[in-house]
PDB file of N, CA and C in Angstrom:
ATOM      1  N   MET A   1      12.373 -13.205 102.494  1.00  0.00           N
ATOM      2  CA  MET A   1      11.306 -14.182 102.594  1.00  0.00           C
ATOM      3  C   MET A   1       9.963 -13.461 102.527  1.00  0.00           C
ATOM      4  N   SER A   2       9.052 -13.986 101.745  1.00  0.00           N
ATOM      5  CA  SER A   2       7.720 -13.380 101.675  1.00  0.00           C
ATOM      6  C   SER A   2       6.719 -14.251 102.423  1.00  0.00           C
ATOM      7  N   ILE A   3       5.704 -13.608 102.939  1.00  0.00           N
ATOM      8  CA  ILE A   3       4.646 -14.318 103.661  1.00  0.00           C
ATOM      9  C   ILE A   3       3.306 -14.009 103.012  1.00  0.00           C
ATOM     10  N   GLN A   4       2.332 -14.822 103.287  1.00  0.00           N
ATOM     11  CA  GLN A   4       0.999 -14.633 102.712  1.00  0.00           C
ATOM     12  C   GLN A   4       0.070 -14.079 103.780  1.00  0.00           C
ATOM     13  N   VAL A   5      -0.735 -13.091 103.405  1.00  0.00           N
ATOM     14  CA  VAL A   5      -1.723 -12.501 104.298  1.00  0.00           C
ATOM     15  C   VAL A   5      -3.078 -12.591 103.616  1.00  0.00           C
ATOM     16  N   ASN A   6      -4.084 -13.073 104.323  1.00  0.00           N
ATOM     17  CA  ASN A   6      -5.439 -13.152 103.788  1.00  0.00           C
ATOM     18  C   ASN A   6      -6.285 -12.052 104.406  1.00  0.00           C
ATOM     19  N   PHE A   7      -6.891 -11.217 103.572  1.00  0.00           N
ATOM     20  CA  PHE A   7      -7.820 -10.200 104.039  1.00  0.00           C
ATOM     21  C   PHE A   7      -9.224 -10.728 103.819  1.00  0.00           C
ATOM     22  N   ILE A   8     -10.042 -10.627 104.843  1.00  0.00           N
ATOM     23  CA  ILE A   8     -11.393 -11.163 104.765  1.00  0.00           C
ATOM     24  C   ILE A   8     -12.383 -10.018 104.908  1.00  0.00           C
ATOM     25  N   CYS A   9     -13.357  -9.972 104.025  1.00  0.00           N
ATOM     26  CA  CYS A   9     -14.419  -8.984 104.160  1.00  0.00           C
ATOM     27  C   CYS A   9     -15.747  -9.716 104.263  1.00  0.00           C
ATOM     28  N   LYS A  10     -16.669  -9.119 104.981  1.00  0.00           N
ATOM     29  CA  LYS A  10     -18.003  -9.697 105.122  1.00  0.00           C
ATOM     30  C   LYS A  10     -19.003  -8.729 104.523  1.00  0.00           C
ATOM     31  N   THR A  11     -20.057  -9.270 103.944  1.00  0.00           N
ATOM     32  CA  THR A  11     -21.127  -8.439 103.419  1.00  0.00           C
ATOM     33  C   THR A  11     -22.435  -9.205 103.515  1.00  0.00           C
ATOM     34  N   GLU A  12     -23.524  -8.484 103.559  1.00  0.00           N
ATOM     35  CA  GLU A  12     -24.836  -9.118 103.548  1.00  0.00           C
ATOM     36  C   GLU A  12     -25.424  -8.968 102.155  1.00  0.00           C
ATOM     37  N   ILE A  13     -26.022 -10.055 101.667  1.00  0.00           N
ATOM     38  CA  ILE A  13     -26.608 -10.054 100.328  1.00  0.00           C
ATOM     39  C   ILE A  13     -27.990 -10.688 100.380  1.00  0.00           C
ATOM     40  N   LYS A  14     -28.731 -10.515  99.295  1.00  0.00           N
ATOM     41  CA  LYS A  14     -30.010 -11.207  99.167  1.00  0.00           C
ATOM     42  C   LYS A  14     -29.754 -12.668  98.838  1.00  0.00           C
ATOM     43  N   GLU A  15     -30.511 -13.548  99.469  1.00  0.00           N
ATOM     44  CA  GLU A  15     -30.401 -14.982  99.195  1.00  0.00           C
ATOM     45  C   GLU A  15     -30.630 -15.238  97.709  1.00  0.00           C
ATOM     46  N   GLY A  16     -29.810 -16.099  97.124  1.00  0.00           N
ATOM     47  CA  GLY A  16     -29.951 -16.465  95.720  1.00  0.00           C
ATOM     48  C   GLY A  16     -29.119 -15.630  94.762  1.00  0.00           C
ATOM     49  N   LEU A  17     -28.490 -14.558  95.261  1.00  0.00           N
ATOM     50  CA  LEU A  17     -27.637 -13.729  94.416  1.00  0.00           C
ATOM     51  C   LEU A  17     -26.420 -14.543  93.995  1.00  0.00           C
ATOM     52  N   ASN A  18     -25.958 -14.340  92.756  1.00  0.00           N
ATOM     53  CA  ASN A  18     -24.769 -15.100  92.365  1.00  0.00           C
ATOM     54  C   ASN A  18     -23.518 -14.481  92.984  1.00  0.00           C
ATOM     55  N   ALA A  19     -22.480 -15.274  93.093  1.00  0.00           N
ATOM     56  CA  ALA A  19     -21.263 -14.861  93.793  1.00  0.00           C
ATOM     57  C   ALA A  19     -20.570 -13.683  93.116  1.00  0.00           C
ATOM     58  N   LEU A  20     -20.680 -13.558  91.802  1.00  0.00           N
ATOM     59  CA  LEU A  20     -20.059 -12.436  91.101  1.00  0.00           C
ATOM     60  C   LEU A  20     -20.733 -11.126  91.506  1.00  0.00           C
ATOM     61  N   LYS A  21     -22.061 -11.108  91.524  1.00  0.00           N
ATOM     62  CA  LYS A  21     -22.793  -9.903  91.932  1.00  0.00           C
ATOM     63  C   LYS A  21     -22.566  -9.612  93.412  1.00  0.00           C
ATOM     64  N   ALA A  22     -22.503 -10.659  94.228  1.00  0.00           N
ATOM     65  CA  ALA A  22     -22.235 -10.481  95.658  1.00  0.00           C
ATOM     66  C   ALA A  22     -20.856  -9.858  95.858  1.00  0.00           C
ATOM     67  N   ALA A  23     -19.880 -10.321  95.094  1.00  0.00           N
ATOM     68  CA  ALA A  23     -18.524  -9.773  95.186  1.00  0.00           C
ATOM     69  C   ALA A  23     -18.519  -8.295  94.802  1.00  0.00           C
ATOM     70  N   LYS A  24     -19.244  -7.951  93.744  1.00  0.00           N
ATOM     71  CA  LYS A  24     -19.315  -6.542  93.330  1.00  0.00           C
ATOM     72  C   LYS A  24     -19.910  -5.688  94.436  1.00  0.00           C
ATOM     73  N   GLU A  25     -20.973  -6.181  95.092  1.00  0.00           N
ATOM     74  CA  GLU A  25     -21.591  -5.444  96.198  1.00  0.00           C
ATOM     75  C   GLU A  25     -20.607  -5.246  97.346  1.00  0.00           C
ATOM     76  N   ALA A  26     -19.721  -6.222  97.555  1.00  0.00           N
ATOM     77  CA  ALA A  26     -18.733  -6.154  98.634  1.00  0.00           C
ATOM     78  C   ALA A  26     -17.454  -5.439  98.195  1.00  0.00           C
ATOM     79  N   LYS A  27     -17.449  -4.935  96.963  1.00  0.00           N
ATOM     80  CA  LYS A  27     -16.283  -4.264  96.380  1.00  0.00           C
ATOM     81  C   LYS A  27     -15.064  -5.186  96.281  1.00  0.00           C
ATOM     82  N   VAL A  28     -15.343  -6.467  96.053  1.00  0.00           N
ATOM     83  CA  VAL A  28     -14.302  -7.454  95.780  1.00  0.00           C
ATOM     84  C   VAL A  28     -14.296  -7.642  94.271  1.00  0.00           C
ATOM     85  N   LYS A  29     -13.176  -7.374  93.654  1.00  0.00           N
ATOM     86  CA  LYS A  29     -13.109  -7.432  92.195  1.00  0.00           C
ATOM     87  C   LYS A  29     -12.678  -8.818  91.730  1.00  0.00           C
ATOM     88  N   ILE A  30     -13.501  -9.398  90.869  1.00  0.00           N
ATOM     89  CA  ILE A  30     -13.213 -10.698  90.269  1.00  0.00           C
ATOM     90  C   ILE A  30     -13.191 -10.511  88.757  1.00  0.00           C
ATOM     91  N   LYS A  31     -12.171 -11.032  88.103  1.00  0.00           N
ATOM     92  CA  LYS A  31     -12.088 -10.937  86.643  1.00  0.00           C
ATOM     93  C   LYS A  31     -13.267 -11.663  86.015  1.00  0.00           C
ATOM     94  N   ALA A  32     -13.948 -10.988  85.104  1.00  0.00           N
ATOM     95  CA  ALA A  32     -15.079 -11.585  84.394  1.00  0.00           C
ATOM     96  C   ALA A  32     -15.171 -10.962  83.001  1.00  0.00           C
ATOM     97  N   PRO A  33     -14.241 -11.325  82.106  1.00  0.00           N
ATOM     98  CA  PRO A  33     -14.212 -10.739  80.767  1.00  0.00           C
ATOM     99  C   PRO A  33     -15.510 -10.890  79.972  1.00  0.00           C
ATOM    100  N   CYS A  34     -16.289 -11.934  80.264  1.00  0.00           N
ATOM    101  CA  CYS A  34     -17.539 -12.141  79.515  1.00  0.00           C
ATOM    102  C   CYS A  34     -18.718 -11.446  80.203  1.00  0.00           C
ATOM    103  N   ASP A  35     -18.431 -10.610  81.209  1.00  0.00           N
ATOM    104  CA  ASP A  35     -19.461  -9.877  81.961  1.00  0.00           C
ATOM    105  C   ASP A  35     -20.455 -10.792  82.653  1.00  0.00           C
ATOM    106  N   GLY A  36     -19.987 -11.927  83.139  1.00  0.00           N
ATOM    107  CA  GLY A  36     -20.839 -12.812  83.924  1.00  0.00           C
ATOM    108  C   GLY A  36     -21.818 -13.645  83.133  1.00  0.00           C
ATOM    109  N   LYS A  37     -21.473 -13.955  81.903  1.00  0.00           N
ATOM    110  CA  LYS A  37     -22.364 -14.755  81.052  1.00  0.00           C
ATOM    111  C   LYS A  37     -22.020 -16.245  81.070  1.00  0.00           C
ATOM    112  N   GLY A  38     -21.009 -16.640  81.851  1.00  0.00           N
ATOM    113  CA  GLY A  38     -20.646 -18.052  81.961  1.00  0.00           C
ATOM    114  C   GLY A  38     -19.927 -18.611  80.756  1.00  0.00           C
ATOM    115  N   LYS A  39     -19.271 -17.751  79.982  1.00  0.00           N
ATOM    116  CA  LYS A  39     -18.643 -18.209  78.744  1.00  0.00           C
ATOM    117  C   LYS A  39     -17.121 -18.314  78.814  1.00  0.00           C
ATOM    118  N   CYS A  40     -16.482 -17.509  79.675  1.00  0.00           N
ATOM    119  CA  CYS A  40     -15.014 -17.452  79.639  1.00  0.00           C
ATOM    120  C   CYS A  40     -14.329 -18.333  80.688  1.00  0.00           C
ATOM    121  N   GLY A  41     -14.999 -18.622  81.787  1.00  0.00           N
ATOM    122  CA  GLY A  41     -14.394 -19.434  82.838  1.00  0.00           C
ATOM    123  C   GLY A  41     -13.359 -18.709  83.674  1.00  0.00           C
ATOM    124  N   LYS A  42     -13.289 -17.392  83.579  1.00  0.00           N
ATOM    125  CA  LYS A  42     -12.259 -16.618  84.284  1.00  0.00           C
ATOM    126  C   LYS A  42     -12.651 -16.205  85.698  1.00  0.00           C
ATOM    127  N   CYS A  43     -13.931 -16.245  86.047  1.00  0.00           N
ATOM    128  CA  CYS A  43     -14.375 -15.776  87.373  1.00  0.00           C
ATOM    129  C   CYS A  43     -14.334 -16.911  88.394  1.00  0.00           C
ATOM    130  N   LEU A  44     -13.211 -17.563  88.447  1.00  0.00           N
ATOM    131  CA  LEU A  44     -13.038 -18.737  89.299  1.00  0.00           C
ATOM    132  C   LEU A  44     -13.016 -18.360  90.781  1.00  0.00           C
ATOM    133  N   ILE A  45     -13.781 -19.093  91.577  1.00  0.00           N
ATOM    134  CA  ILE A  45     -13.804 -18.954  93.027  1.00  0.00           C
ATOM    135  C   ILE A  45     -13.725 -20.354  93.621  1.00  0.00           C
ATOM    136  N   ARG A  46     -13.493 -20.418  94.937  1.00  0.00           N
ATOM    137  CA  ARG A  46     -13.524 -21.718  95.613  1.00  0.00           C
ATOM    138  C   ARG A  46     -14.441 -21.600  96.816  1.00  0.00           C
ATOM    139  N   ILE A  47     -15.411 -22.501  96.895  1.00  0.00           N
ATOM    140  CA  ILE A  47     -16.343 -22.516  98.013  1.00  0.00           C
ATOM    141  C   ILE A  47     -15.657 -23.238  99.170  1.00  0.00           C
ATOM    142  N   VAL A  48     -15.383 -22.506 100.240  1.00  0.00           N
ATOM    143  CA  VAL A  48     -14.730 -23.066 101.418  1.00  0.00           C
ATOM    144  C   VAL A  48     -15.785 -23.644 102.356  1.00  0.00           C
ATOM    145  N   ASP A  49     -16.910 -22.923 102.486  1.00  0.00           N
ATOM    146  CA  ASP A  49     -17.983 -23.358 103.377  1.00  0.00           C
ATOM    147  C   ASP A  49     -19.281 -22.697 102.935  1.00  0.00           C
ATOM    148  N   GLY A  50     -20.395 -23.367 103.163  1.00  0.00           N
ATOM    149  CA  GLY A  50     -21.695 -22.786 102.864  1.00  0.00           C
ATOM    150  C   GLY A  50     -22.442 -23.560 101.804  1.00  0.00           C
ATOM    151  N   ASP A  51     -23.704 -23.212 101.655  1.00  0.00           N
ATOM    152  CA  ASP A  51     -24.578 -23.891 100.707  1.00  0.00           C
ATOM    153  C   ASP A  51     -24.764 -23.020  99.475  1.00  0.00           C
ATOM    154  N   VAL A  52     -24.412 -23.556  98.338  1.00  0.00           N
ATOM    155  CA  VAL A  52     -24.559 -22.836  97.074  1.00  0.00           C
ATOM    156  C   VAL A  52     -25.271 -23.743  96.073  1.00  0.00           C
ATOM    157  N   SER A  53     -25.645 -23.165  94.957  1.00  0.00           N
ATOM    158  CA  SER A  53     -26.345 -23.920  93.918  1.00  0.00           C
ATOM    159  C   SER A  53     -25.487 -25.064  93.379  1.00  0.00           C
ATOM    160  N   GLU A  54     -26.148 -26.032  92.787  1.00  0.00           N
ATOM    161  CA  GLU A  54     -25.449 -27.148  92.134  1.00  0.00           C
ATOM    162  C   GLU A  54     -24.702 -26.625  90.907  1.00  0.00           C
ATOM    163  N   PRO A  55     -23.593 -27.248  90.532  1.00  0.00           N
ATOM    164  CA  PRO A  55     -22.866 -26.815  89.336  1.00  0.00           C
ATOM    165  C   PRO A  55     -23.754 -26.868  88.086  1.00  0.00           C
ATOM    166  N   THR A  56     -23.632 -25.847  87.262  1.00  0.00           N
ATOM    167  CA  THR A  56     -24.389 -25.785  86.014  1.00  0.00           C
ATOM    168  C   THR A  56     -23.682 -26.601  84.931  1.00  0.00           C
ATOM    169  N   LYS A  57     -24.373 -26.831  83.831  1.00  0.00           N
ATOM    170  CA  LYS A  57     -23.757 -27.536  82.693  1.00  0.00           C
ATOM    171  C   LYS A  57     -22.513 -26.794  82.220  1.00  0.00           C
ATOM    172  N   GLN A  58     -22.600 -25.468  82.198  1.00  0.00           N
ATOM    173  CA  GLN A  58     -21.471 -24.661  81.737  1.00  0.00           C
ATOM    174  C   GLN A  58     -20.263 -24.828  82.664  1.00  0.00           C
ATOM    175  N   GLU A  59     -20.505 -24.872  83.964  1.00  0.00           N
ATOM    176  CA  GLU A  59     -19.402 -25.078  84.911  1.00  0.00           C
ATOM    177  C   GLU A  59     -18.784 -26.457  84.727  1.00  0.00           C
ATOM    178  N   LYS A  60     -19.621 -27.451  84.545  1.00  0.00           N
ATOM    179  CA  LYS A  60     -19.108 -28.811  84.330  1.00  0.00           C
ATOM    180  C   LYS A  60     -18.235 -28.857  83.086  1.00  0.00           C
ATOM    181  N   LYS A  61     -18.661 -28.142  82.052  1.00  0.00           N
ATOM    182  CA  LYS A  61     -17.918 -28.117  80.793  1.00  0.00           C
ATOM    183  C   LYS A  61     -16.584 -27.371  80.953  1.00  0.00           C
ATOM    184  N   LEU A  62     -16.620 -26.198  81.578  1.00  0.00           N
ATOM    185  CA  LEU A  62     -15.422 -25.363  81.674  1.00  0.00           C
ATOM    186  C   LEU A  62     -14.446 -25.793  82.769  1.00  0.00           C
ATOM    187  N   LEU A  63     -14.963 -26.325  83.869  1.00  0.00           N
ATOM    188  CA  LEU A  63     -14.092 -26.646  85.003  1.00  0.00           C
ATOM    189  C   LEU A  63     -13.704 -28.112  85.096  1.00  0.00           C
ATOM    190  N   GLY A  64     -14.607 -28.997  84.727  1.00  0.00           N
ATOM    191  CA  GLY A  64     -14.327 -30.426  84.830  1.00  0.00           C
ATOM    192  C   GLY A  64     -14.565 -30.958  86.235  1.00  0.00           C
ATOM    193  N   LYS A  65     -14.625 -32.270  86.341  1.00  0.00           N
ATOM    194  CA  LYS A  65     -14.963 -32.938  87.605  1.00  0.00           C
ATOM    195  C   LYS A  65     -13.962 -32.661  88.721  1.00  0.00           C
ATOM    196  N   GLU A  66     -12.675 -32.672  88.409  1.00  0.00           N
ATOM    197  CA  GLU A  66     -11.656 -32.517  89.454  1.00  0.00           C
ATOM    198  C   GLU A  66     -11.728 -31.141  90.119  1.00  0.00           C
ATOM    199  N   LYS A  67     -11.793 -30.089  89.323  1.00  0.00           N
ATOM    200  CA  LYS A  67     -11.886 -28.735  89.897  1.00  0.00           C
ATOM    201  C   LYS A  67     -13.167 -28.582  90.708  1.00  0.00           C
ATOM    202  N   LEU A  68     -14.280 -29.109  90.193  1.00  0.00           N
ATOM    203  CA  LEU A  68     -15.543 -29.037  90.935  1.00  0.00           C
ATOM    204  C   LEU A  68     -15.424 -29.795  92.253  1.00  0.00           C
ATOM    205  N   ARG A  69     -14.788 -30.941  92.232  1.00  0.00           N
ATOM    206  CA  ARG A  69     -14.604 -31.737  93.443  1.00  0.00           C
ATOM    207  C   ARG A  69     -13.784 -30.965  94.479  1.00  0.00           C
ATOM    208  N   GLN A  70     -12.853 -30.152  94.013  1.00  0.00           N
ATOM    209  CA  GLN A  70     -12.008 -29.356  94.906  1.00  0.00           C
ATOM    210  C   GLN A  70     -12.722 -28.107  95.425  1.00  0.00           C
ATOM    211  N   GLY A  71     -13.955 -27.889  94.987  1.00  0.00           N
ATOM    212  CA  GLY A  71     -14.734 -26.746  95.465  1.00  0.00           C
ATOM    213  C   GLY A  71     -14.694 -25.529  94.569  1.00  0.00           C
ATOM    214  N   TYR A  72     -14.040 -25.640  93.412  1.00  0.00           N
ATOM    215  CA  TYR A  72     -13.970 -24.503  92.499  1.00  0.00           C
ATOM    216  C   TYR A  72     -15.277 -24.349  91.738  1.00  0.00           C
ATOM    217  N   ARG A  73     -15.654 -23.097  91.526  1.00  0.00           N
ATOM    218  CA  ARG A  73     -16.889 -22.774  90.811  1.00  0.00           C
ATOM    219  C   ARG A  73     -16.666 -21.496  90.014  1.00  0.00           C
ATOM    220  N   LEU A  74     -17.622 -21.175  89.157  1.00  0.00           N
ATOM    221  CA  LEU A  74     -17.622 -19.894  88.458  1.00  0.00           C
ATOM    222  C   LEU A  74     -18.511 -18.950  89.257  1.00  0.00           C
ATOM    223  N   ALA A  75     -17.993 -17.784  89.593  1.00  0.00           N
ATOM    224  CA  ALA A  75     -18.750 -16.832  90.411  1.00  0.00           C
ATOM    225  C   ALA A  75     -20.063 -16.433  89.747  1.00  0.00           C
ATOM    226  N   CYS A  76     -20.057 -16.307  88.433  1.00  0.00           N
ATOM    227  CA  CYS A  76     -21.263 -15.866  87.722  1.00  0.00           C
ATOM    228  C   CYS A  76     -22.342 -16.940  87.658  1.00  0.00           C
ATOM    229  N   GLU A  77     -21.984 -18.175  87.901  1.00  0.00           N
ATOM    230  CA  GLU A  77     -22.930 -19.291  87.787  1.00  0.00           C
ATOM    231  C   GLU A  77     -23.336 -19.856  89.151  1.00  0.00           C
ATOM    232  N   THR A  78     -22.774 -19.327  90.227  1.00  0.00           N
ATOM    233  CA  THR A  78     -22.975 -19.899  91.554  1.00  0.00           C
ATOM    234  C   THR A  78     -23.870 -19.013  92.406  1.00  0.00           C
ATOM    235  N   ALA A  79     -25.081 -19.484  92.683  1.00  0.00           N
ATOM    236  CA  ALA A  79     -26.014 -18.752  93.544  1.00  0.00           C
ATOM    237  C   ALA A  79     -25.750 -19.128  94.998  1.00  0.00           C
ATOM    238  N   ILE A  80     -25.777 -18.131  95.857  1.00  0.00           N
ATOM    239  CA  ILE A  80     -25.513 -18.336  97.283  1.00  0.00           C
ATOM    240  C   ILE A  80     -26.849 -18.384  98.017  1.00  0.00           C
ATOM    241  N   SER A  81     -27.064 -19.464  98.781  1.00  0.00           N
ATOM    242  CA  SER A  81     -28.354 -19.617  99.449  1.00  0.00           C
ATOM    243  C   SER A  81     -28.272 -19.579 100.972  1.00  0.00           C
ATOM    244  N   GLU A  82     -27.077 -19.484 101.524  1.00  0.00           N
ATOM    245  CA  GLU A  82     -26.917 -19.316 102.976  1.00  0.00           C
ATOM    246  C   GLU A  82     -25.541 -18.727 103.232  1.00  0.00           C
ATOM    247  N   ASN A  83     -25.228 -18.486 104.497  1.00  0.00           N
ATOM    248  CA  ASN A  83     -23.908 -17.947 104.826  1.00  0.00           C
ATOM    249  C   ASN A  83     -22.840 -18.798 104.148  1.00  0.00           C
ATOM    250  N   ALA A  84     -21.835 -18.138 103.604  1.00  0.00           N
ATOM    251  CA  ALA A  84     -20.802 -18.860 102.864  1.00  0.00           C
ATOM    252  C   ALA A  84     -19.441 -18.208 103.071  1.00  0.00           C
ATOM    253  N   VAL A  85     -18.415 -19.013 102.919  1.00  0.00           N
ATOM    254  CA  VAL A  85     -17.037 -18.529 102.893  1.00  0.00           C
ATOM    255  C   VAL A  85     -16.521 -18.853 101.501  1.00  0.00           C
ATOM    256  N   ILE A  86     -16.112 -17.817 100.783  1.00  0.00           N
ATOM    257  CA  ILE A  86     -15.685 -17.970  99.392  1.00  0.00           C
ATOM    258  C   ILE A  86     -14.287 -17.389  99.231  1.00  0.00           C
ATOM    259  N   GLU A  87     -13.433 -18.170  98.605  1.00  0.00           N
ATOM    260  CA  GLU A  87     -12.059 -17.736  98.337  1.00  0.00           C
ATOM    261  C   GLU A  87     -11.954 -17.321  96.873  1.00  0.00           C
ATOM    262  N   VAL A  88     -11.294 -16.187  96.645  1.00  0.00           N
ATOM    263  CA  VAL A  88     -11.011 -15.745  95.279  1.00  0.00           C
ATOM    264  C   VAL A  88      -9.521 -15.976  95.052  1.00  0.00           C
ATOM    265  N   PRO A  89      -9.172 -16.987  94.253  1.00  0.00           N
ATOM    266  CA  PRO A  89      -7.750 -17.223  93.985  1.00  0.00           C
ATOM    267  C   PRO A  89      -7.104 -15.950  93.448  1.00  0.00           C
ATOM    268  N   GLN A  90      -5.927 -15.617  93.937  1.00  0.00           N
ATOM    269  CA  GLN A  90      -5.286 -14.342  93.627  1.00  0.00           C
ATOM    270  C   GLN A  90      -5.180 -14.066  92.131  1.00  0.00           C
ATOM    271  N   LYS A  91      -4.869 -15.064  91.340  1.00  0.00           N
ATOM    272  CA  LYS A  91      -4.700 -14.804  89.901  1.00  0.00           C
ATOM    273  C   LYS A  91      -6.025 -14.516  89.204  1.00  0.00           C
ATOM    274  N   HIS A  92      -7.151 -14.708  89.898  1.00  0.00           N
ATOM    275  CA  HIS A  92      -8.456 -14.441  89.304  1.00  0.00           C
ATOM    276  C   HIS A  92      -9.106 -13.185  89.857  1.00  0.00           C
ATOM    277  N   SER A  93      -8.386 -12.461  90.716  1.00  0.00           N
ATOM    278  CA  SER A  93      -8.926 -11.220  91.263  1.00  0.00           C
ATOM    279  C   SER A  93      -8.282 -10.043  90.546  1.00  0.00           C
ATOM    280  N   LYS A  94      -8.907  -8.901  90.658  1.00  0.00           N
ATOM    281  CA  LYS A  94      -8.346  -7.671  90.102  1.00  0.00           C
ATOM    282  C   LYS A  94      -7.848  -6.840  91.271  1.00  0.00           C
ATOM    283  N   ILE A  95      -6.581  -6.927  91.546  1.00  0.00           N
ATOM    284  CA  ILE A  95      -6.043  -6.182  92.692  1.00  0.00           C
ATOM    285  C   ILE A  95      -5.383  -4.916  92.202  1.00  0.00           C
TER     286      ILE A  95
END
């Protein structure tokens, strides 16, 4: 039987930094084949708690209403403006 373990790291960032850059500063690896240009949709994260920027046109196009409603965002397009809890789905991280 396998069990799931969640490792949580905390880091301090400048307000307004996007989640992809914040993750890099925290040494959390997120797949971003387009280098954070908002074109590939691979840097998927889920906002669990906190205040972040409104979804961009590109996020609406790539993710759709349902994923956005569930809290999913693109790390490269999401600016963090206060304390936040962000989940990186395992298949979108570089472990």
